[in-house]
Amino acid sequence: MVTVKRVVLDVLKPHDPKALEFAQALAKVGPDYRVKLTVIEMDENTETLLIEVSGNDIDVAELQSAIEQLGGSLHSIDEVEVQGDPD
């Protein structure tokens, strides 16, 4: 089995929720997720974010769902790190 260990996402979100609340909500998606959020650009209504999530087995679909529930949209997956299970 191959597991996702780290993923870097390009996300667009409205100003609310604030960056800290957004990162905390994403960290709650998995039991051991670590989230690093960087605001890349701000305009009148939105923020462009670079979000790095690391953990033992990241569920990217669940992250995307959480992003959408928070009013954001996933533009792209910019980096990904996976690990195969040694047999």
PDB file of N, CA and C in Angstrom:
ATOM      1  N   MET A   1       0.844  -1.191   0.000  1.00  0.00           N
ATOM      2  CA  MET A   1       0.000   0.000   0.000  1.00  0.00           C
ATOM      3  C   MET A   1       0.884   1.247   0.000  1.00  0.00           C
ATOM      4  N   VAL A   2       0.504   2.230  -0.752  1.00  0.00           N
ATOM      5  CA  VAL A   2       1.228   3.494  -0.824  1.00  0.00           C
ATOM      6  C   VAL A   2       0.464   4.522   0.008  1.00  0.00           C
ATOM      7  N   THR A   3       1.181   5.243   0.873  1.00  0.00           N
ATOM      8  CA  THR A   3       0.550   6.267   1.697  1.00  0.00           C
ATOM      9  C   THR A   3       1.142   7.638   1.378  1.00  0.00           C
ATOM     10  N   VAL A   4       0.314   8.659   1.510  1.00  0.00           N
ATOM     11  CA  VAL A   4       0.743  10.039   1.300  1.00  0.00           C
ATOM     12  C   VAL A   4       1.287  10.556   2.626  1.00  0.00           C
ATOM     13  N   LYS A   5       2.521  11.033   2.600  1.00  0.00           N
ATOM     14  CA  LYS A   5       3.181  11.542   3.813  1.00  0.00           C
ATOM     15  C   LYS A   5       3.188  13.066   3.895  1.00  0.00           C
ATOM     16  N   ARG A   6       3.204  13.718   2.725  1.00  0.00           N
ATOM     17  CA  ARG A   6       3.260  15.183   2.689  1.00  0.00           C
ATOM     18  C   ARG A   6       2.643  15.651   1.390  1.00  0.00           C
ATOM     19  N   VAL A   7       1.911  16.752   1.471  1.00  0.00           N
ATOM     20  CA  VAL A   7       1.288  17.329   0.286  1.00  0.00           C
ATOM     21  C   VAL A   7       1.316  18.854   0.431  1.00  0.00           C
ATOM     22  N   VAL A   8       1.580  19.530  -0.684  1.00  0.00           N
ATOM     23  CA  VAL A   8       1.575  20.992  -0.713  1.00  0.00           C
ATOM     24  C   VAL A   8       0.458  21.426  -1.659  1.00  0.00           C
ATOM     25  N   LEU A   9      -0.461  22.236  -1.135  1.00  0.00           N
ATOM     26  CA  LEU A   9      -1.666  22.619  -1.859  1.00  0.00           C
ATOM     27  C   LEU A   9      -1.697  24.117  -2.128  1.00  0.00           C
ATOM     28  N   ASP A  10      -2.175  24.486  -3.304  1.00  0.00           N
ATOM     29  CA  ASP A  10      -2.436  25.878  -3.667  1.00  0.00           C
ATOM     30  C   ASP A  10      -3.941  26.075  -3.503  1.00  0.00           C
ATOM     31  N   VAL A  11      -4.314  26.948  -2.574  1.00  0.00           N
ATOM     32  CA  VAL A  11      -5.727  27.103  -2.194  1.00  0.00           C
ATOM     33  C   VAL A  11      -6.124  28.576  -2.261  1.00  0.00           C
ATOM     34  N   LEU A  12      -7.338  28.821  -2.733  1.00  0.00           N
ATOM     35  CA  LEU A  12      -7.930  30.151  -2.700  1.00  0.00           C
ATOM     36  C   LEU A  12      -9.067  30.120  -1.688  1.00  0.00           C
ATOM     37  N   LYS A  13      -9.095  31.105  -0.781  1.00  0.00           N
ATOM     38  CA  LYS A  13     -10.151  31.149   0.237  1.00  0.00           C
ATOM     39  C   LYS A  13     -10.590  32.581   0.477  1.00  0.00           C
ATOM     40  N   PRO A  14     -11.806  32.763   0.993  1.00  0.00           N
ATOM     41  CA  PRO A  14     -12.233  34.108   1.404  1.00  0.00           C
ATOM     42  C   PRO A  14     -11.465  34.529   2.658  1.00  0.00           C
ATOM     43  N   HIS A  15     -11.568  35.791   3.021  1.00  0.00           N
ATOM     44  CA  HIS A  15     -10.846  36.286   4.207  1.00  0.00           C
ATOM     45  C   HIS A  15     -11.286  35.600   5.498  1.00  0.00           C
ATOM     46  N   ASP A  16     -12.544  35.199   5.563  1.00  0.00           N
ATOM     47  CA  ASP A  16     -13.028  34.456   6.726  1.00  0.00           C
ATOM     48  C   ASP A  16     -13.322  33.033   6.318  1.00  0.00           C
ATOM     49  N   PRO A  17     -12.883  32.042   7.034  1.00  0.00           N
ATOM     50  CA  PRO A  17     -12.193  32.136   8.318  1.00  0.00           C
ATOM     51  C   PRO A  17     -10.755  32.634   8.162  1.00  0.00           C
ATOM     52  N   LYS A  18     -10.226  33.152   9.235  1.00  0.00           N
ATOM     53  CA  LYS A  18      -8.846  33.635   9.263  1.00  0.00           C
ATOM     54  C   LYS A  18      -7.880  32.472   9.061  1.00  0.00           C
ATOM     55  N   ALA A  19      -6.646  32.805   8.709  1.00  0.00           N
ATOM     56  CA  ALA A  19      -5.634  31.789   8.382  1.00  0.00           C
ATOM     57  C   ALA A  19      -5.428  30.792   9.520  1.00  0.00           C
ATOM     58  N   LEU A  20      -5.357  31.257  10.750  1.00  0.00           N
ATOM     59  CA  LEU A  20      -5.142  30.356  11.882  1.00  0.00           C
ATOM     60  C   LEU A  20      -6.307  29.376  12.029  1.00  0.00           C
ATOM     61  N   GLU A  21      -7.525  29.871  11.947  1.00  0.00           N
ATOM     62  CA  GLU A  21      -8.703  29.005  12.052  1.00  0.00           C
ATOM     63  C   GLU A  21      -8.747  27.999  10.906  1.00  0.00           C
ATOM     64  N   PHE A  22      -8.381  28.436   9.708  1.00  0.00           N
ATOM     65  CA  PHE A  22      -8.368  27.575   8.534  1.00  0.00           C
ATOM     66  C   PHE A  22      -7.364  26.444   8.737  1.00  0.00           C
ATOM     67  N   ALA A  23      -6.158  26.782   9.181  1.00  0.00           N
ATOM     68  CA  ALA A  23      -5.115  25.777   9.418  1.00  0.00           C
ATOM     69  C   ALA A  23      -5.528  24.803  10.518  1.00  0.00           C
ATOM     70  N   GLN A  24      -6.118  25.312  11.582  1.00  0.00           N
ATOM     71  CA  GLN A  24      -6.558  24.443  12.678  1.00  0.00           C
ATOM     72  C   GLN A  24      -7.630  23.462  12.205  1.00  0.00           C
ATOM     73  N   ALA A  25      -8.562  23.934  11.378  1.00  0.00           N
ATOM     74  CA  ALA A  25      -9.619  23.063  10.865  1.00  0.00           C
ATOM     75  C   ALA A  25      -9.026  21.957   9.987  1.00  0.00           C
ATOM     76  N   LEU A  26      -8.032  22.278   9.182  1.00  0.00           N
ATOM     77  CA  LEU A  26      -7.397  21.261   8.339  1.00  0.00           C
ATOM     78  C   LEU A  26      -6.608  20.268   9.187  1.00  0.00           C
ATOM     79  N   ALA A  27      -5.978  20.734  10.246  1.00  0.00           N
ATOM     80  CA  ALA A  27      -5.219  19.833  11.115  1.00  0.00           C
ATOM     81  C   ALA A  27      -6.132  18.814  11.789  1.00  0.00           C
ATOM     82  N   LYS A  28      -7.385  19.176  12.009  1.00  0.00           N
ATOM     83  CA  LYS A  28      -8.341  18.275  12.658  1.00  0.00           C
ATOM     84  C   LYS A  28      -8.824  17.152  11.731  1.00  0.00           C
ATOM     85  N   VAL A  29      -8.543  17.254  10.436  1.00  0.00           N
ATOM     86  CA  VAL A  29      -8.996  16.237   9.481  1.00  0.00           C
ATOM     87  C   VAL A  29      -8.341  14.885   9.771  1.00  0.00           C
ATOM     88  N   GLY A  30      -7.076  14.900  10.183  1.00  0.00           N
ATOM     89  CA  GLY A  30      -6.375  13.655  10.504  1.00  0.00           C
ATOM     90  C   GLY A  30      -5.814  13.697  11.907  1.00  0.00           C
ATOM     91  N   PRO A  31      -5.623  12.536  12.513  1.00  0.00           N
ATOM     92  CA  PRO A  31      -5.194  12.499  13.916  1.00  0.00           C
ATOM     93  C   PRO A  31      -3.773  13.015  14.153  1.00  0.00           C
ATOM     94  N   ASP A  32      -2.928  12.989  13.120  1.00  0.00           N
ATOM     95  CA  ASP A  32      -1.536  13.420  13.313  1.00  0.00           C
ATOM     96  C   ASP A  32      -1.100  14.445  12.270  1.00  0.00           C
ATOM     97  N   TYR A  33      -2.052  15.154  11.658  1.00  0.00           N
ATOM     98  CA  TYR A  33      -1.711  16.110  10.609  1.00  0.00           C
ATOM     99  C   TYR A  33      -1.021  17.336  11.193  1.00  0.00           C
ATOM    100  N   ARG A  34       0.071  17.722  10.547  1.00  0.00           N
ATOM    101  CA  ARG A  34       0.742  18.991  10.831  1.00  0.00           C
ATOM    102  C   ARG A  34       0.499  19.891   9.627  1.00  0.00           C
ATOM    103  N   VAL A  35       0.104  21.128   9.881  1.00  0.00           N
ATOM    104  CA  VAL A  35      -0.260  22.044   8.801  1.00  0.00           C
ATOM    105  C   VAL A  35       0.601  23.295   8.887  1.00  0.00           C
ATOM    106  N   LYS A  36       1.217  23.621   7.759  1.00  0.00           N
ATOM    107  CA  LYS A  36       1.960  24.879   7.626  1.00  0.00           C
ATOM    108  C   LYS A  36       1.250  25.682   6.548  1.00  0.00           C
ATOM    109  N   LEU A  37       0.751  26.853   6.901  1.00  0.00           N
ATOM    110  CA  LEU A  37      -0.018  27.688   5.984  1.00  0.00           C
ATOM    111  C   LEU A  37       0.727  28.986   5.751  1.00  0.00           C
ATOM    112  N   THR A  38       0.914  29.332   4.481  1.00  0.00           N
ATOM    113  CA  THR A  38       1.548  30.596   4.104  1.00  0.00           C
ATOM    114  C   THR A  38       0.593  31.373   3.213  1.00  0.00           C
ATOM    115  N   VAL A  39       0.320  32.625   3.573  1.00  0.00           N
ATOM    116  CA  VAL A  39      -0.497  33.496   2.727  1.00  0.00           C
ATOM    117  C   VAL A  39       0.428  34.065   1.656  1.00  0.00           C
ATOM    118  N   ILE A  40       0.135  33.726   0.412  1.00  0.00           N
ATOM    119  CA  ILE A  40       0.967  34.150  -0.722  1.00  0.00           C
ATOM    120  C   ILE A  40       0.508  35.491  -1.278  1.00  0.00           C
ATOM    121  N   GLU A  41      -0.812  35.672  -1.331  1.00  0.00           N
ATOM    122  CA  GLU A  41      -1.358  36.883  -1.934  1.00  0.00           C
ATOM    123  C   GLU A  41      -2.709  37.185  -1.314  1.00  0.00           C
ATOM    124  N   MET A  42      -3.010  38.474  -1.195  1.00  0.00           N
ATOM    125  CA  MET A  42      -4.309  38.923  -0.682  1.00  0.00           C
ATOM    126  C   MET A  42      -4.872  39.940  -1.648  1.00  0.00           C
ATOM    127  N   ASP A  43      -6.168  39.862  -1.887  1.00  0.00           N
ATOM    128  CA  ASP A  43      -6.824  40.934  -2.613  1.00  0.00           C
ATOM    129  C   ASP A  43      -8.033  41.378  -1.791  1.00  0.00           C
ATOM    130  N   GLU A  44      -8.906  42.091  -2.412  1.00  0.00           N
ATOM    131  CA  GLU A  44     -10.052  42.671  -1.706  1.00  0.00           C
ATOM    132  C   GLU A  44     -10.939  41.622  -1.048  1.00  0.00           C
ATOM    133  N   ASN A  45     -11.103  40.457  -1.704  1.00  0.00           N
ATOM    134  CA  ASN A  45     -12.055  39.459  -1.216  1.00  0.00           C
ATOM    135  C   ASN A  45     -11.456  38.118  -0.840  1.00  0.00           C
ATOM    136  N   THR A  46     -10.270  37.805  -1.339  1.00  0.00           N
ATOM    137  CA  THR A  46      -9.730  36.453  -1.179  1.00  0.00           C
ATOM    138  C   THR A  46      -8.259  36.459  -0.763  1.00  0.00           C
ATOM    139  N   GLU A  47      -7.811  35.265  -0.358  1.00  0.00           N
ATOM    140  CA  GLU A  47      -6.407  35.030  -0.037  1.00  0.00           C
ATOM    141  C   GLU A  47      -5.951  33.789  -0.795  1.00  0.00           C
ATOM    142  N   THR A  48      -4.767  33.860  -1.366  1.00  0.00           N
ATOM    143  CA  THR A  48      -4.145  32.691  -1.980  1.00  0.00           C
ATOM    144  C   THR A  48      -3.183  32.106  -0.966  1.00  0.00           C
ATOM    145  N   LEU A  49      -3.324  30.808  -0.705  1.00  0.00           N
ATOM    146  CA  LEU A  49      -2.545  30.142   0.330  1.00  0.00           C
ATOM    147  C   LEU A  49      -1.691  29.029  -0.254  1.00  0.00           C
ATOM    148  N   LEU A  50      -0.549  28.815   0.346  1.00  0.00           N
ATOM    149  CA  LEU A  50       0.257  27.627   0.103  1.00  0.00           C
ATOM    150  C   LEU A  50       0.192  26.838   1.406  1.00  0.00           C
ATOM    151  N   ILE A  51      -0.375  25.644   1.346  1.00  0.00           N
ATOM    152  CA  ILE A  51      -0.604  24.850   2.549  1.00  0.00           C
ATOM    153  C   ILE A  51       0.168  23.549   2.441  1.00  0.00           C
ATOM    154  N   GLU A  52       1.028  23.300   3.418  1.00  0.00           N
ATOM    155  CA  GLU A  52       1.776  22.046   3.487  1.00  0.00           C
ATOM    156  C   GLU A  52       1.194  21.211   4.624  1.00  0.00           C
ATOM    157  N   VAL A  53       0.770  20.001   4.288  1.00  0.00           N
ATOM    158  CA  VAL A  53       0.219  19.088   5.286  1.00  0.00           C
ATOM    159  C   VAL A  53       1.115  17.861   5.331  1.00  0.00           C
ATOM    160  N   SER A  54       1.509  17.465   6.522  1.00  0.00           N
ATOM    161  CA  SER A  54       2.303  16.246   6.669  1.00  0.00           C
ATOM    162  C   SER A  54       1.652  15.368   7.735  1.00  0.00           C
ATOM    163  N   GLY A  55       1.836  14.059   7.556  1.00  0.00           N
ATOM    164  CA  GLY A  55       1.254  13.084   8.470  1.00  0.00           C
ATOM    165  C   GLY A  55       1.591  11.687   8.005  1.00  0.00           C
ATOM    166  N   ASN A  56       1.131  10.686   8.734  1.00  0.00           N
ATOM    167  CA  ASN A  56       1.463   9.299   8.404  1.00  0.00           C
ATOM    168  C   ASN A  56       0.666   8.740   7.239  1.00  0.00           C
ATOM    169  N   ASP A  57      -0.569   9.192   7.050  1.00  0.00           N
ATOM    170  CA  ASP A  57      -1.413   8.672   5.977  1.00  0.00           C
ATOM    171  C   ASP A  57      -2.453   9.732   5.639  1.00  0.00           C
ATOM    172  N   ILE A  58      -2.077  10.693   4.809  1.00  0.00           N
ATOM    173  CA  ILE A  58      -2.931  11.837   4.507  1.00  0.00           C
ATOM    174  C   ILE A  58      -4.013  11.439   3.515  1.00  0.00           C
ATOM    175  N   ASP A  59      -5.245  11.822   3.810  1.00  0.00           N
ATOM    176  CA  ASP A  59      -6.381  11.602   2.929  1.00  0.00           C
ATOM    177  C   ASP A  59      -6.644  12.914   2.184  1.00  0.00           C
ATOM    178  N   VAL A  60      -6.149  12.998   0.959  1.00  0.00           N
ATOM    179  CA  VAL A  60      -6.243  14.235   0.187  1.00  0.00           C
ATOM    180  C   VAL A  60      -7.700  14.577  -0.125  1.00  0.00           C
ATOM    181  N   ALA A  61      -8.523  13.583  -0.388  1.00  0.00           N
ATOM    182  CA  ALA A  61      -9.941  13.835  -0.668  1.00  0.00           C
ATOM    183  C   ALA A  61     -10.638  14.463   0.537  1.00  0.00           C
ATOM    184  N   GLU A  62     -10.308  13.995   1.736  1.00  0.00           N
ATOM    185  CA  GLU A  62     -10.892  14.579   2.950  1.00  0.00           C
ATOM    186  C   GLU A  62     -10.399  16.005   3.169  1.00  0.00           C
ATOM    187  N   LEU A  63      -9.135  16.255   2.863  1.00  0.00           N
ATOM    188  CA  LEU A  63      -8.616  17.625   2.956  1.00  0.00           C
ATOM    189  C   LEU A  63      -9.355  18.539   1.995  1.00  0.00           C
ATOM    190  N   GLN A  64      -9.537  18.079   0.754  1.00  0.00           N
ATOM    191  CA  GLN A  64     -10.243  18.887  -0.230  1.00  0.00           C
ATOM    192  C   GLN A  64     -11.672  19.172   0.224  1.00  0.00           C
ATOM    193  N   SER A  65     -12.334  18.181   0.781  1.00  0.00           N
ATOM    194  CA  SER A  65     -13.682  18.369   1.293  1.00  0.00           C
ATOM    195  C   SER A  65     -13.709  19.418   2.408  1.00  0.00           C
ATOM    196  N   ALA A  66     -12.748  19.348   3.315  1.00  0.00           N
ATOM    197  CA  ALA A  66     -12.671  20.323   4.416  1.00  0.00           C
ATOM    198  C   ALA A  66     -12.414  21.725   3.875  1.00  0.00           C
ATOM    199  N   ILE A  67     -11.537  21.847   2.889  1.00  0.00           N
ATOM    200  CA  ILE A  67     -11.250  23.149   2.274  1.00  0.00           C
ATOM    201  C   ILE A  67     -12.524  23.743   1.692  1.00  0.00           C
ATOM    202  N   GLU A  68     -13.294  22.921   0.974  1.00  0.00           N
ATOM    203  CA  GLU A  68     -14.537  23.392   0.363  1.00  0.00           C
ATOM    204  C   GLU A  68     -15.568  23.763   1.415  1.00  0.00           C
ATOM    205  N   GLN A  69     -15.655  22.996   2.513  1.00  0.00           N
ATOM    206  CA  GLN A  69     -16.603  23.316   3.590  1.00  0.00           C
ATOM    207  C   GLN A  69     -16.250  24.635   4.260  1.00  0.00           C
ATOM    208  N   LEU A  70     -14.971  25.011   4.224  1.00  0.00           N
ATOM    209  CA  LEU A  70     -14.526  26.278   4.805  1.00  0.00           C
ATOM    210  C   LEU A  70     -14.644  27.435   3.809  1.00  0.00           C
ATOM    211  N   GLY A  71     -15.176  27.162   2.610  1.00  0.00           N
ATOM    212  CA  GLY A  71     -15.383  28.215   1.616  1.00  0.00           C
ATOM    213  C   GLY A  71     -14.231  28.382   0.645  1.00  0.00           C
ATOM    214  N   GLY A  72     -13.242  27.513   0.710  1.00  0.00           N
ATOM    215  CA  GLY A  72     -12.083  27.616  -0.170  1.00  0.00           C
ATOM    216  C   GLY A  72     -12.190  26.700  -1.368  1.00  0.00           C
ATOM    217  N   SER A  73     -11.211  26.818  -2.252  1.00  0.00           N
ATOM    218  CA  SER A  73     -11.143  25.909  -3.399  1.00  0.00           C
ATOM    219  C   SER A  73      -9.688  25.504  -3.622  1.00  0.00           C
ATOM    220  N   LEU A  74      -9.503  24.236  -3.912  1.00  0.00           N
ATOM    221  CA  LEU A  74      -8.181  23.680  -4.181  1.00  0.00           C
ATOM    222  C   LEU A  74      -7.841  23.949  -5.639  1.00  0.00           C
ATOM    223  N   HIS A  75      -6.814  24.768  -5.865  1.00  0.00           N
ATOM    224  CA  HIS A  75      -6.396  25.080  -7.234  1.00  0.00           C
ATOM    225  C   HIS A  75      -5.482  24.009  -7.794  1.00  0.00           C
ATOM    226  N   SER A  76      -4.523  23.539  -6.978  1.00  0.00           N
ATOM    227  CA  SER A  76      -3.601  22.518  -7.477  1.00  0.00           C
ATOM    228  C   SER A  76      -2.888  21.842  -6.317  1.00  0.00           C
ATOM    229  N   ILE A  77      -2.367  20.668  -6.628  1.00  0.00           N
ATOM    230  CA  ILE A  77      -1.452  19.976  -5.725  1.00  0.00           C
ATOM    231  C   ILE A  77      -0.067  20.244  -6.291  1.00  0.00           C
ATOM    232  N   ASP A  78       0.734  21.024  -5.567  1.00  0.00           N
ATOM    233  CA  ASP A  78       2.022  21.469  -6.078  1.00  0.00           C
ATOM    234  C   ASP A  78       3.168  20.526  -5.750  1.00  0.00           C
ATOM    235  N   GLU A  79       3.061  19.795  -4.664  1.00  0.00           N
ATOM    236  CA  GLU A  79       4.073  18.810  -4.283  1.00  0.00           C
ATOM    237  C   GLU A  79       3.372  17.665  -3.572  1.00  0.00           C
ATOM    238  N   VAL A  80       3.954  16.482  -3.700  1.00  0.00           N
ATOM    239  CA  VAL A  80       3.429  15.343  -2.970  1.00  0.00           C
ATOM    240  C   VAL A  80       4.573  14.401  -2.648  1.00  0.00           C
ATOM    241  N   GLU A  81       4.526  13.832  -1.464  1.00  0.00           N
ATOM    242  CA  GLU A  81       5.514  12.835  -1.028  1.00  0.00           C
ATOM    243  C   GLU A  81       4.739  11.597  -0.595  1.00  0.00           C
ATOM    244  N   VAL A  82       5.063  10.471  -1.196  1.00  0.00           N
ATOM    245  CA  VAL A  82       4.389   9.226  -0.853  1.00  0.00           C
ATOM    246  C   VAL A  82       5.422   8.200  -0.433  1.00  0.00           C
ATOM    247  N   GLN A  83       4.944   7.166   0.246  1.00  0.00           N
ATOM    248  CA  GLN A  83       5.833   6.082   0.680  1.00  0.00           C
ATOM    249  C   GLN A  83       5.130   4.756   0.449  1.00  0.00           C
ATOM    250  N   GLY A  84       5.853   3.841  -0.163  1.00  0.00           N
ATOM    251  CA  GLY A  84       5.327   2.495  -0.358  1.00  0.00           C
ATOM    252  C   GLY A  84       5.542   1.667   0.886  1.00  0.00           C
ATOM    253  N   ASP A  85       4.692   0.655   1.065  1.00  0.00           N
ATOM    254  CA  ASP A  85       4.780  -0.250   2.195  1.00  0.00           C
ATOM    255  C   ASP A  85       5.758  -1.366   1.833  1.00  0.00           C
ATOM    256  N   PRO A  86       6.838  -1.517   2.596  1.00  0.00           N
ATOM    257  CA  PRO A  86       7.778  -2.590   2.282  1.00  0.00           C
ATOM    258  C   PRO A  86       7.149  -3.954   2.564  1.00  0.00           C
ATOM    259  N   ASP A  87       7.284  -4.841   1.599  1.00  0.00           N
ATOM    260  CA  ASP A  87       6.732  -6.194   1.758  1.00  0.00           C
ATOM    261  C   ASP A  87       7.752  -7.151   2.300  1.00  0.00           C
TER     262      ASP A  87
END
